[in-house]
Amino acid sequence: MSTRRDKQVDLNRAAVAESADVQEVQQVQEQQDVTLIYVGPSLKTLQKYSVFQNGLPAYVDEHIEKCPAIRGLLIPVDQLAAAEQSAKEMGSKEAILSQTISDYAGSEQ
């Protein structure tokens, strides 16, 4: 038997989920306005330093579905220098993502 408090908790959870969905849509819209550059290892159809404006093409989305780490190395162009520097540091987020993508690239062949 559900109580009034349970119903309120469910409503709060629904509101949080809806808010997260709205934020995700806003992030996607913002990414479409921002020019992104891929700074990960080259793949068959996705080369390092590929630049994307107005969103990502379908083939990039397909790679992201198979290897979500790729999304982490699609960055705004103005962050390129910092990401490149960080990728050289062992254990950094960029270095770990690059290794994950390299493993994916090896399995892709």
PDB file of N, CA and C in Angstrom:
ATOM      1  N   MET A   1       0.849  -1.170   0.000  1.00  0.00           N
ATOM      2  CA  MET A   1       0.000   0.000   0.000  1.00  0.00           C
ATOM      3  C   MET A   1       0.896   1.234   0.000  1.00  0.00           C
ATOM      4  N   SER A   2       0.668   2.094  -0.952  1.00  0.00           N
ATOM      5  CA  SER A   2       1.536   3.262  -1.026  1.00  0.00           C
ATOM      6  C   SER A   2       0.960   4.399  -0.191  1.00  0.00           C
ATOM      7  N   THR A   3       1.862   5.128   0.369  1.00  0.00           N
ATOM      8  CA  THR A   3       1.467   6.236   1.226  1.00  0.00           C
ATOM      9  C   THR A   3       1.631   7.542   0.474  1.00  0.00           C
ATOM     10  N   ARG A   4       1.180   8.574   1.105  1.00  0.00           N
ATOM     11  CA  ARG A   4       1.317   9.905   0.506  1.00  0.00           C
ATOM     12  C   ARG A   4       2.790  10.253   0.312  1.00  0.00           C
ATOM     13  N   ARG A   5       3.597   9.867   1.293  1.00  0.00           N
ATOM     14  CA  ARG A   5       5.035  10.144   1.201  1.00  0.00           C
ATOM     15  C   ARG A   5       5.661   9.388   0.030  1.00  0.00           C
ATOM     16  N   ASP A   6       5.283   8.129  -0.180  1.00  0.00           N
ATOM     17  CA  ASP A   6       5.791   7.347  -1.308  1.00  0.00           C
ATOM     18  C   ASP A   6       5.437   8.005  -2.626  1.00  0.00           C
ATOM     19  N   LYS A   7       4.225   8.502  -2.706  1.00  0.00           N
ATOM     20  CA  LYS A   7       3.795   9.171  -3.933  1.00  0.00           C
ATOM     21  C   LYS A   7       4.610  10.443  -4.166  1.00  0.00           C
ATOM     22  N   GLN A   8       4.901  11.169  -3.095  1.00  0.00           N
ATOM     23  CA  GLN A   8       5.704  12.383  -3.219  1.00  0.00           C
ATOM     24  C   GLN A   8       7.123  12.048  -3.667  1.00  0.00           C
ATOM     25  N   VAL A   9       7.688  10.970  -3.119  1.00  0.00           N
ATOM     26  CA  VAL A   9       9.029  10.539  -3.510  1.00  0.00           C
ATOM     27  C   VAL A   9       9.036  10.166  -4.989  1.00  0.00           C
ATOM     28  N   ASP A  10       8.005   9.437  -5.436  1.00  0.00           N
ATOM     29  CA  ASP A  10       7.909   9.066  -6.846  1.00  0.00           C
ATOM     30  C   ASP A  10       7.809  10.302  -7.733  1.00  0.00           C
ATOM     31  N   LEU A  11       7.039  11.289  -7.306  1.00  0.00           N
ATOM     32  CA  LEU A  11       6.913  12.534  -8.071  1.00  0.00           C
ATOM     33  C   LEU A  11       8.246  13.269  -8.133  1.00  0.00           C
ATOM     34  N   ASN A  12       8.965  13.289  -7.007  1.00  0.00           N
ATOM     35  CA  ASN A  12      10.279  13.934  -6.981  1.00  0.00           C
ATOM     36  C   ASN A  12      11.257  13.242  -7.921  1.00  0.00           C
ATOM     37  N   ARG A  13      11.245  11.914  -7.919  1.00  0.00           N
ATOM     38  CA  ARG A  13      12.123  11.149  -8.818  1.00  0.00           C
ATOM     39  C   ARG A  13      11.788  11.437 -10.278  1.00  0.00           C
ATOM     40  N   ALA A  14      10.504  11.495 -10.571  1.00  0.00           N
ATOM     41  CA  ALA A  14      10.079  11.798 -11.943  1.00  0.00           C
ATOM     42  C   ALA A  14      10.539  13.189 -12.353  1.00  0.00           C
ATOM     43  N   ALA A  15      10.448  14.144 -11.436  1.00  0.00           N
ATOM     44  CA  ALA A  15      10.871  15.515 -11.733  1.00  0.00           C
ATOM     45  C   ALA A  15      12.376  15.570 -11.972  1.00  0.00           C
ATOM     46  N   VAL A  16      13.141  14.828 -11.173  1.00  0.00           N
ATOM     47  CA  VAL A  16      14.598  14.796 -11.343  1.00  0.00           C
ATOM     48  C   VAL A  16      14.943  14.159 -12.686  1.00  0.00           C
ATOM     49  N   ALA A  17      14.275  13.061 -13.031  1.00  0.00           N
ATOM     50  CA  ALA A  17      14.526  12.394 -14.308  1.00  0.00           C
ATOM     51  C   ALA A  17      14.192  13.317 -15.476  1.00  0.00           C
ATOM     52  N   GLU A  18      13.070  14.012 -15.361  1.00  0.00           N
ATOM     53  CA  GLU A  18      12.675  14.940 -16.427  1.00  0.00           C
ATOM     54  C   GLU A  18      13.687  16.071 -16.536  1.00  0.00           C
ATOM     55  N   SER A  19      14.167  16.559 -15.404  1.00  0.00           N
ATOM     56  CA  SER A  19      15.168  17.621 -15.397  1.00  0.00           C
ATOM     57  C   SER A  19      16.458  17.139 -16.057  1.00  0.00           C
ATOM     58  N   ALA A  20      16.858  15.898 -15.780  1.00  0.00           N
ATOM     59  CA  ALA A  20      18.064  15.336 -16.383  1.00  0.00           C
ATOM     60  C   ALA A  20      17.892  15.227 -17.897  1.00  0.00           C
ATOM     61  N   ASP A  21      16.698  14.812 -18.350  1.00  0.00           N
ATOM     62  CA  ASP A  21      16.429  14.724 -19.779  1.00  0.00           C
ATOM     63  C   ASP A  21      16.530  16.097 -20.434  1.00  0.00           C
ATOM     64  N   VAL A  22      15.991  17.109 -19.779  1.00  0.00           N
ATOM     65  CA  VAL A  22      16.054  18.472 -20.308  1.00  0.00           C
ATOM     66  C   VAL A  22      17.504  18.928 -20.388  1.00  0.00           C
ATOM     67  N   GLN A  23      18.291  18.639 -19.343  1.00  0.00           N
ATOM     68  CA  GLN A  23      19.701  19.025 -19.344  1.00  0.00           C
ATOM     69  C   GLN A  23      20.456  18.320 -20.468  1.00  0.00           C
ATOM     70  N   GLU A  24      20.142  17.041 -20.704  1.00  0.00           N
ATOM     71  CA  GLU A  24      20.804  16.291 -21.767  1.00  0.00           C
ATOM     72  C   GLU A  24      20.479  16.904 -23.130  1.00  0.00           C
ATOM     73  N   VAL A  25      19.226  17.271 -23.339  1.00  0.00           N
ATOM     74  CA  VAL A  25      18.831  17.912 -24.591  1.00  0.00           C
ATOM     75  C   VAL A  25      19.559  19.238 -24.758  1.00  0.00           C
ATOM     76  N   GLN A  26      19.666  20.003 -23.672  1.00  0.00           N
ATOM     77  CA  GLN A  26      20.369  21.279 -23.737  1.00  0.00           C
ATOM     78  C   GLN A  26      21.847  21.075 -24.064  1.00  0.00           C
ATOM     79  N   GLN A  27      22.459  20.039 -23.481  1.00  0.00           N
ATOM     80  CA  GLN A  27      23.866  19.766 -23.761  1.00  0.00           C
ATOM     81  C   GLN A  27      24.059  19.394 -25.230  1.00  0.00           C
ATOM     82  N   VAL A  28      23.143  18.598 -25.767  1.00  0.00           N
ATOM     83  CA  VAL A  28      23.233  18.220 -27.174  1.00  0.00           C
ATOM     84  C   VAL A  28      23.106  19.454 -28.051  1.00  0.00           C
ATOM     85  N   GLN A  29      22.157  20.337 -27.712  1.00  0.00           N
ATOM     86  CA  GLN A  29      21.987  21.558 -28.488  1.00  0.00           C
ATOM     87  C   GLN A  29      23.223  22.434 -28.396  1.00  0.00           C
ATOM     88  N   GLU A  30      23.821  22.532 -27.211  1.00  0.00           N
ATOM     89  CA  GLU A  30      25.031  23.328 -27.041  1.00  0.00           C
ATOM     90  C   GLU A  30      26.175  22.731 -27.852  1.00  0.00           C
ATOM     91  N   GLN A  31      26.281  21.398 -27.869  1.00  0.00           N
ATOM     92  CA  GLN A  31      27.340  20.753 -28.631  1.00  0.00           C
ATOM     93  C   GLN A  31      27.173  21.020 -30.119  1.00  0.00           C
ATOM     94  N   GLN A  32      25.940  21.135 -30.572  1.00  0.00           N
ATOM     95  CA  GLN A  32      25.717  21.413 -31.981  1.00  0.00           C
ATOM     96  C   GLN A  32      26.158  22.828 -32.325  1.00  0.00           C
ATOM     97  N   ASP A  33      26.149  23.714 -31.357  1.00  0.00           N
ATOM     98  CA  ASP A  33      26.586  25.087 -31.579  1.00  0.00           C
ATOM     99  C   ASP A  33      28.099  25.225 -31.469  1.00  0.00           C
ATOM    100  N   VAL A  34      28.747  24.269 -30.815  1.00  0.00           N
ATOM    101  CA  VAL A  34      30.188  24.329 -30.563  1.00  0.00           C
ATOM    102  C   VAL A  34      30.905  23.464 -31.602  1.00  0.00           C
ATOM    103  N   THR A  35      32.030  23.958 -32.084  1.00  0.00           N
ATOM    104  CA  THR A  35      32.855  23.162 -32.987  1.00  0.00           C
ATOM    105  C   THR A  35      33.683  22.207 -32.145  1.00  0.00           C
ATOM    106  N   LEU A  36      33.564  20.911 -32.449  1.00  0.00           N
ATOM    107  CA  LEU A  36      34.268  19.875 -31.696  1.00  0.00           C
ATOM    108  C   LEU A  36      35.409  19.314 -32.525  1.00  0.00           C
ATOM    109  N   ILE A  37      36.436  18.862 -31.833  1.00  0.00           N
ATOM    110  CA  ILE A  37      37.562  18.202 -32.481  1.00  0.00           C
ATOM    111  C   ILE A  37      37.808  16.879 -31.760  1.00  0.00           C
ATOM    112  N   TYR A  38      38.082  15.839 -32.539  1.00  0.00           N
ATOM    113  CA  TYR A  38      38.361  14.523 -31.980  1.00  0.00           C
ATOM    114  C   TYR A  38      39.866  14.406 -31.749  1.00  0.00           C
ATOM    115  N   VAL A  39      40.263  14.133 -30.505  1.00  0.00           N
ATOM    116  CA  VAL A  39      41.687  14.078 -30.164  1.00  0.00           C
ATOM    117  C   VAL A  39      42.150  12.678 -29.767  1.00  0.00           C
ATOM    118  N   GLY A  40      41.340  11.680 -30.092  1.00  0.00           N
ATOM    119  CA  GLY A  40      41.714  10.307 -29.775  1.00  0.00           C
ATOM    120  C   GLY A  40      42.474   9.656 -30.914  1.00  0.00           C
ATOM    121  N   PRO A  41      42.827   8.398 -30.739  1.00  0.00           N
ATOM    122  CA  PRO A  41      43.544   7.656 -31.782  1.00  0.00           C
ATOM    123  C   PRO A  41      42.688   7.536 -33.047  1.00  0.00           C
ATOM    124  N   SER A  42      43.353   7.510 -34.199  1.00  0.00           N
ATOM    125  CA  SER A  42      42.628   7.374 -35.464  1.00  0.00           C
ATOM    126  C   SER A  42      42.002   5.991 -35.579  1.00  0.00           C
ATOM    127  N   LEU A  43      40.800   5.977 -36.125  1.00  0.00           N
ATOM    128  CA  LEU A  43      40.074   4.748 -36.429  1.00  0.00           C
ATOM    129  C   LEU A  43      39.919   4.682 -37.945  1.00  0.00           C
ATOM    130  N   LYS A  44      39.322   3.623 -38.457  1.00  0.00           N
ATOM    131  CA  LYS A  44      39.148   3.492 -39.905  1.00  0.00           C
ATOM    132  C   LYS A  44      38.396   4.684 -40.501  1.00  0.00           C
ATOM    133  N   THR A  45      37.328   5.096 -39.855  1.00  0.00           N
ATOM    134  CA  THR A  45      36.501   6.172 -40.420  1.00  0.00           C
ATOM    135  C   THR A  45      36.506   7.441 -39.574  1.00  0.00           C
ATOM    136  N   LEU A  46      37.318   7.472 -38.544  1.00  0.00           N
ATOM    137  CA  LEU A  46      37.397   8.650 -37.672  1.00  0.00           C
ATOM    138  C   LEU A  46      38.858   8.955 -37.395  1.00  0.00           C
ATOM    139  N   GLN A  47      39.342  10.009 -38.020  1.00  0.00           N
ATOM    140  CA  GLN A  47      40.750  10.366 -37.901  1.00  0.00           C
ATOM    141  C   GLN A  47      40.980  11.339 -36.746  1.00  0.00           C
ATOM    142  N   LYS A  48      42.143  11.225 -36.130  1.00  0.00           N
ATOM    143  CA  LYS A  48      42.527  12.169 -35.093  1.00  0.00           C
ATOM    144  C   LYS A  48      42.509  13.579 -35.685  1.00  0.00           C
ATOM    145  N   TYR A  49      42.046  14.529 -34.913  1.00  0.00           N
ATOM    146  CA  TYR A  49      41.918  15.942 -35.277  1.00  0.00           C
ATOM    147  C   TYR A  49      40.803  16.216 -36.289  1.00  0.00           C
ATOM    148  N   SER A  50      39.860  15.273 -36.438  1.00  0.00           N
ATOM    149  CA  SER A  50      38.682  15.563 -37.263  1.00  0.00           C
ATOM    150  C   SER A  50      37.860  16.624 -36.549  1.00  0.00           C
ATOM    151  N   VAL A  51      37.347  17.584 -37.307  1.00  0.00           N
ATOM    152  CA  VAL A  51      36.588  18.705 -36.754  1.00  0.00           C
ATOM    153  C   VAL A  51      35.135  18.567 -37.174  1.00  0.00           C
ATOM    154  N   PHE A  52      34.227  18.823 -36.219  1.00  0.00           N
ATOM    155  CA  PHE A  52      32.791  18.684 -36.483  1.00  0.00           C
ATOM    156  C   PHE A  52      32.053  19.944 -36.061  1.00  0.00           C
ATOM    157  N   GLN A  53      31.241  20.439 -36.968  1.00  0.00           N
ATOM    158  CA  GLN A  53      30.384  21.586 -36.689  1.00  0.00           C
ATOM    159  C   GLN A  53      28.936  21.139 -36.864  1.00  0.00           C
ATOM    160  N   ASN A  54      28.032  21.746 -36.121  1.00  0.00           N
ATOM    161  CA  ASN A  54      26.598  21.449 -36.234  1.00  0.00           C
ATOM    162  C   ASN A  54      26.278  19.992 -35.941  1.00  0.00           C
ATOM    163  N   GLY A  55      26.862  19.457 -34.897  1.00  0.00           N
ATOM    164  CA  GLY A  55      26.561  18.089 -34.482  1.00  0.00           C
ATOM    165  C   GLY A  55      27.527  17.080 -35.076  1.00  0.00           C
ATOM    166  N   LEU A  56      27.262  15.816 -34.769  1.00  0.00           N
ATOM    167  CA  LEU A  56      28.135  14.734 -35.206  1.00  0.00           C
ATOM    168  C   LEU A  56      27.469  13.930 -36.310  1.00  0.00           C
ATOM    169  N   PRO A  57      28.238  13.466 -37.298  1.00  0.00           N
ATOM    170  CA  PRO A  57      27.669  12.619 -38.344  1.00  0.00           C
ATOM    171  C   PRO A  57      27.320  11.237 -37.800  1.00  0.00           C
ATOM    172  N   ALA A  58      26.505  10.519 -38.534  1.00  0.00           N
ATOM    173  CA  ALA A  58      26.017   9.212 -38.092  1.00  0.00           C
ATOM    174  C   ALA A  58      27.150   8.229 -37.827  1.00  0.00           C
ATOM    175  N   TYR A  59      28.204   8.241 -38.650  1.00  0.00           N
ATOM    176  CA  TYR A  59      29.273   7.270 -38.450  1.00  0.00           C
ATOM    177  C   TYR A  59      30.005   7.487 -37.127  1.00  0.00           C
ATOM    178  N   VAL A  60      30.067   8.732 -36.659  1.00  0.00           N
ATOM    179  CA  VAL A  60      30.691   9.000 -35.358  1.00  0.00           C
ATOM    180  C   VAL A  60      29.782   8.473 -34.250  1.00  0.00           C
ATOM    181  N   ASP A  61      28.476   8.710 -34.377  1.00  0.00           N
ATOM    182  CA  ASP A  61      27.528   8.182 -33.393  1.00  0.00           C
ATOM    183  C   ASP A  61      27.603   6.659 -33.310  1.00  0.00           C
ATOM    184  N   GLU A  62      27.809   5.996 -34.455  1.00  0.00           N
ATOM    185  CA  GLU A  62      27.937   4.531 -34.457  1.00  0.00           C
ATOM    186  C   GLU A  62      29.179   4.100 -33.669  1.00  0.00           C
ATOM    187  N   HIS A  63      30.285   4.812 -33.854  1.00  0.00           N
ATOM    188  CA  HIS A  63      31.496   4.500 -33.083  1.00  0.00           C
ATOM    189  C   HIS A  63      31.250   4.726 -31.591  1.00  0.00           C
ATOM    190  N   ILE A  64      30.556   5.806 -31.254  1.00  0.00           N
ATOM    191  CA  ILE A  64      30.289   6.116 -29.840  1.00  0.00           C
ATOM    192  C   ILE A  64      29.425   5.034 -29.209  1.00  0.00           C
ATOM    193  N   GLU A  65      28.479   4.498 -29.970  1.00  0.00           N
ATOM    194  CA  GLU A  65      27.644   3.405 -29.438  1.00  0.00           C
ATOM    195  C   GLU A  65      28.497   2.189 -29.092  1.00  0.00           C
ATOM    196  N   LYS A  66      29.494   1.904 -29.918  1.00  0.00           N
ATOM    197  CA  LYS A  66      30.356   0.737 -29.699  1.00  0.00           C
ATOM    198  C   LYS A  66      31.452   1.014 -28.672  1.00  0.00           C
ATOM    199  N   CYS A  67      31.888   2.269 -28.598  1.00  0.00           N
ATOM    200  CA  CYS A  67      32.973   2.651 -27.686  1.00  0.00           C
ATOM    201  C   CYS A  67      32.678   4.040 -27.113  1.00  0.00           C
ATOM    202  N   PRO A  68      31.930   4.103 -26.012  1.00  0.00           N
ATOM    203  CA  PRO A  68      31.536   5.396 -25.433  1.00  0.00           C
ATOM    204  C   PRO A  68      32.704   6.308 -25.050  1.00  0.00           C
ATOM    205  N   ALA A  69      33.897   5.761 -24.897  1.00  0.00           N
ATOM    206  CA  ALA A  69      35.064   6.582 -24.550  1.00  0.00           C
ATOM    207  C   ALA A  69      35.342   7.637 -25.617  1.00  0.00           C
ATOM    208  N   ILE A  70      34.907   7.386 -26.846  1.00  0.00           N
ATOM    209  CA  ILE A  70      35.144   8.338 -27.938  1.00  0.00           C
ATOM    210  C   ILE A  70      34.512   9.685 -27.619  1.00  0.00           C
ATOM    211  N   ARG A  71      33.337   9.667 -27.009  1.00  0.00           N
ATOM    212  CA  ARG A  71      32.655  10.922 -26.672  1.00  0.00           C
ATOM    213  C   ARG A  71      33.538  11.789 -25.762  1.00  0.00           C
ATOM    214  N   GLY A  72      34.297  11.162 -24.888  1.00  0.00           N
ATOM    215  CA  GLY A  72      35.148  11.908 -23.968  1.00  0.00           C
ATOM    216  C   GLY A  72      36.304  12.627 -24.650  1.00  0.00           C
ATOM    217  N   LEU A  73      36.639  12.211 -25.872  1.00  0.00           N
ATOM    218  CA  LEU A  73      37.739  12.853 -26.591  1.00  0.00           C
ATOM    219  C   LEU A  73      37.241  13.673 -27.778  1.00  0.00           C
ATOM    220  N   LEU A  74      35.962  13.978 -27.787  1.00  0.00           N
ATOM    221  CA  LEU A  74      35.389  14.972 -28.697  1.00  0.00           C
ATOM    222  C   LEU A  74      35.237  16.237 -27.868  1.00  0.00           C
ATOM    223  N   ILE A  75      36.126  17.175 -28.071  1.00  0.00           N
ATOM    224  CA  ILE A  75      36.186  18.335 -27.189  1.00  0.00           C
ATOM    225  C   ILE A  75      36.023  19.628 -27.986  1.00  0.00           C
ATOM    226  N   PRO A  76      35.632  20.707 -27.330  1.00  0.00           N
ATOM    227  CA  PRO A  76      35.615  22.005 -28.012  1.00  0.00           C
ATOM    228  C   PRO A  76      37.031  22.365 -28.474  1.00  0.00           C
ATOM    229  N   VAL A  77      37.118  22.969 -29.629  1.00  0.00           N
ATOM    230  CA  VAL A  77      38.416  23.298 -30.220  1.00  0.00           C
ATOM    231  C   VAL A  77      39.274  24.132 -29.275  1.00  0.00           C
ATOM    232  N   ASP A  78      38.652  25.009 -28.508  1.00  0.00           N
ATOM    233  CA  ASP A  78      39.444  25.870 -27.621  1.00  0.00           C
ATOM    234  C   ASP A  78      40.090  25.116 -26.463  1.00  0.00           C
ATOM    235  N   GLN A  79      39.756  23.844 -26.283  1.00  0.00           N
ATOM    236  CA  GLN A  79      40.369  23.033 -25.231  1.00  0.00           C
ATOM    237  C   GLN A  79      41.434  22.079 -25.764  1.00  0.00           C
ATOM    238  N   LEU A  80      41.781  22.226 -27.042  1.00  0.00           N
ATOM    239  CA  LEU A  80      42.714  21.300 -27.683  1.00  0.00           C
ATOM    240  C   LEU A  80      44.074  21.251 -26.992  1.00  0.00           C
ATOM    241  N   ALA A  81      44.678  22.383 -26.754  1.00  0.00           N
ATOM    242  CA  ALA A  81      46.026  22.404 -26.162  1.00  0.00           C
ATOM    243  C   ALA A  81      46.042  21.732 -24.792  1.00  0.00           C
ATOM    244  N   ALA A  82      45.061  22.032 -23.966  1.00  0.00           N
ATOM    245  CA  ALA A  82      45.004  21.436 -22.622  1.00  0.00           C
ATOM    246  C   ALA A  82      44.789  19.928 -22.701  1.00  0.00           C
ATOM    247  N   ALA A  83      43.941  19.481 -23.607  1.00  0.00           N
ATOM    248  CA  ALA A  83      43.679  18.045 -23.748  1.00  0.00           C
ATOM    249  C   ALA A  83      44.919  17.313 -24.253  1.00  0.00           C
ATOM    250  N   GLU A  84      45.619  17.918 -25.196  1.00  0.00           N
ATOM    251  CA  GLU A  84      46.843  17.307 -25.718  1.00  0.00           C
ATOM    252  C   GLU A  84      47.887  17.174 -24.608  1.00  0.00           C
ATOM    253  N   GLN A  85      48.035  18.196 -23.805  1.00  0.00           N
ATOM    254  CA  GLN A  85      48.999  18.156 -22.708  1.00  0.00           C
ATOM    255  C   GLN A  85      48.608  17.085 -21.688  1.00  0.00           C
ATOM    256  N   SER A  86      47.330  17.040 -21.353  1.00  0.00           N
ATOM    257  CA  SER A  86      46.846  16.077 -20.374  1.00  0.00           C
ATOM    258  C   SER A  86      46.994  14.642 -20.882  1.00  0.00           C
ATOM    259  N   ALA A  87      46.820  14.436 -22.188  1.00  0.00           N
ATOM    260  CA  ALA A  87      46.922  13.091 -22.763  1.00  0.00           C
ATOM    261  C   ALA A  87      48.319  12.510 -22.609  1.00  0.00           C
ATOM    262  N   LYS A  88      49.308  13.361 -22.455  1.00  0.00           N
ATOM    263  CA  LYS A  88      50.692  12.909 -22.299  1.00  0.00           C
ATOM    264  C   LYS A  88      50.981  12.425 -20.880  1.00  0.00           C
ATOM    265  N   GLU A  89      50.101  12.758 -19.933  1.00  0.00           N
ATOM    266  CA  GLU A  89      50.312  12.397 -18.534  1.00  0.00           C
ATOM    267  C   GLU A  89      49.694  11.027 -18.252  1.00  0.00           C
ATOM    268  N   MET A  90      50.514  10.109 -17.829  1.00  0.00           N
ATOM    269  CA  MET A  90      50.047   8.762 -17.529  1.00  0.00           C
ATOM    270  C   MET A  90      48.977   8.796 -16.440  1.00  0.00           C
ATOM    271  N   GLY A  91      47.884   8.102 -16.672  1.00  0.00           N
ATOM    272  CA  GLY A  91      46.811   8.035 -15.690  1.00  0.00           C
ATOM    273  C   GLY A  91      45.784   9.145 -15.807  1.00  0.00           C
ATOM    274  N   SER A  92      46.000  10.093 -16.719  1.00  0.00           N
ATOM    275  CA  SER A  92      45.009  11.163 -16.894  1.00  0.00           C
ATOM    276  C   SER A  92      43.768  10.609 -17.596  1.00  0.00           C
ATOM    277  N   LYS A  93      42.680  11.336 -17.471  1.00  0.00           N
ATOM    278  CA  LYS A  93      41.433  10.924 -18.113  1.00  0.00           C
ATOM    279  C   LYS A  93      41.649  10.710 -19.606  1.00  0.00           C
ATOM    280  N   GLU A  94      42.328  11.655 -20.247  1.00  0.00           N
ATOM    281  CA  GLU A  94      42.551  11.574 -21.691  1.00  0.00           C
ATOM    282  C   GLU A  94      43.411  10.373 -22.061  1.00  0.00           C
ATOM    283  N   ALA A  95      44.432  10.086 -21.263  1.00  0.00           N
ATOM    284  CA  ALA A  95      45.300   8.942 -21.533  1.00  0.00           C
ATOM    285  C   ALA A  95      44.531   7.626 -21.399  1.00  0.00           C
ATOM    286  N   ILE A  96      43.698   7.539 -20.383  1.00  0.00           N
ATOM    287  CA  ILE A  96      42.907   6.322 -20.165  1.00  0.00           C
ATOM    288  C   ILE A  96      41.898   6.144 -21.297  1.00  0.00           C
ATOM    289  N   LEU A  97      41.225   7.225 -21.684  1.00  0.00           N
ATOM    290  CA  LEU A  97      40.260   7.146 -22.782  1.00  0.00           C
ATOM    291  C   LEU A  97      40.962   6.759 -24.087  1.00  0.00           C
ATOM    292  N   SER A  98      42.128   7.325 -24.328  1.00  0.00           N
ATOM    293  CA  SER A  98      42.883   6.997 -25.544  1.00  0.00           C
ATOM    294  C   SER A  98      43.242   5.513 -25.578  1.00  0.00           C
ATOM    295  N   GLN A  99      43.640   4.965 -24.440  1.00  0.00           N
ATOM    296  CA  GLN A  99      43.976   3.541 -24.390  1.00  0.00           C
ATOM    297  C   GLN A  99      42.746   2.681 -24.655  1.00  0.00           C
ATOM    298  N   THR A 100      41.616   3.079 -24.073  1.00  0.00           N
ATOM    299  CA  THR A 100      40.361   2.350 -24.296  1.00  0.00           C
ATOM    300  C   THR A 100      39.997   2.362 -25.777  1.00  0.00           C
ATOM    301  N   ILE A 101      40.149   3.521 -26.412  1.00  0.00           N
ATOM    302  CA  ILE A 101      39.824   3.644 -27.838  1.00  0.00           C
ATOM    303  C   ILE A 101      40.822   2.842 -28.684  1.00  0.00           C
ATOM    304  N   SER A 102      42.088   2.841 -28.299  1.00  0.00           N
ATOM    305  CA  SER A 102      43.082   2.035 -29.020  1.00  0.00           C
ATOM    306  C   SER A 102      42.718   0.550 -28.964  1.00  0.00           C
ATOM    307  N   ASP A 103      42.271   0.103 -27.809  1.00  0.00           N
ATOM    308  CA  ASP A 103      41.833  -1.296 -27.669  1.00  0.00           C
ATOM    309  C   ASP A 103      40.638  -1.567 -28.589  1.00  0.00           C
ATOM    310  N   TYR A 104      39.696  -0.622 -28.622  1.00  0.00           N
ATOM    311  CA  TYR A 104      38.537  -0.754 -29.509  1.00  0.00           C
ATOM    312  C   TYR A 104      38.989  -0.770 -30.973  1.00  0.00           C
ATOM    313  N   ALA A 105      39.930   0.091 -31.336  1.00  0.00           N
ATOM    314  CA  ALA A 105      40.413   0.157 -32.715  1.00  0.00           C
ATOM    315  C   ALA A 105      41.045  -1.178 -33.121  1.00  0.00           C
ATOM    316  N   GLY A 106      41.758  -1.804 -32.202  1.00  0.00           N
ATOM    317  CA  GLY A 106      42.366  -3.098 -32.483  1.00  0.00           C
ATOM    318  C   GLY A 106      41.337  -4.185 -32.708  1.00  0.00           C
ATOM    319  N   SER A 107      40.239  -4.119 -31.992  1.00  0.00           N
ATOM    320  CA  SER A 107      39.183  -5.127 -32.159  1.00  0.00           C
ATOM    321  C   SER A 107      38.324  -4.837 -33.377  1.00  0.00           C
ATOM    322  N   GLU A 108      38.409  -3.619 -33.892  1.00  0.00           N
ATOM    323  CA  GLU A 108      37.594  -3.209 -35.038  1.00  0.00           C
ATOM    324  C   GLU A 108      38.123  -3.804 -36.344  1.00  0.00           C
ATOM    325  N   GLN A 109      39.414  -4.125 -36.388  1.00  0.00           N
ATOM    326  CA  GLN A 109      40.029  -4.576 -37.626  1.00  0.00           C
ATOM    327  C   GLN A 109      39.623  -5.938 -38.018  1.00  0.00           C
TER     328      GLN A 109
END
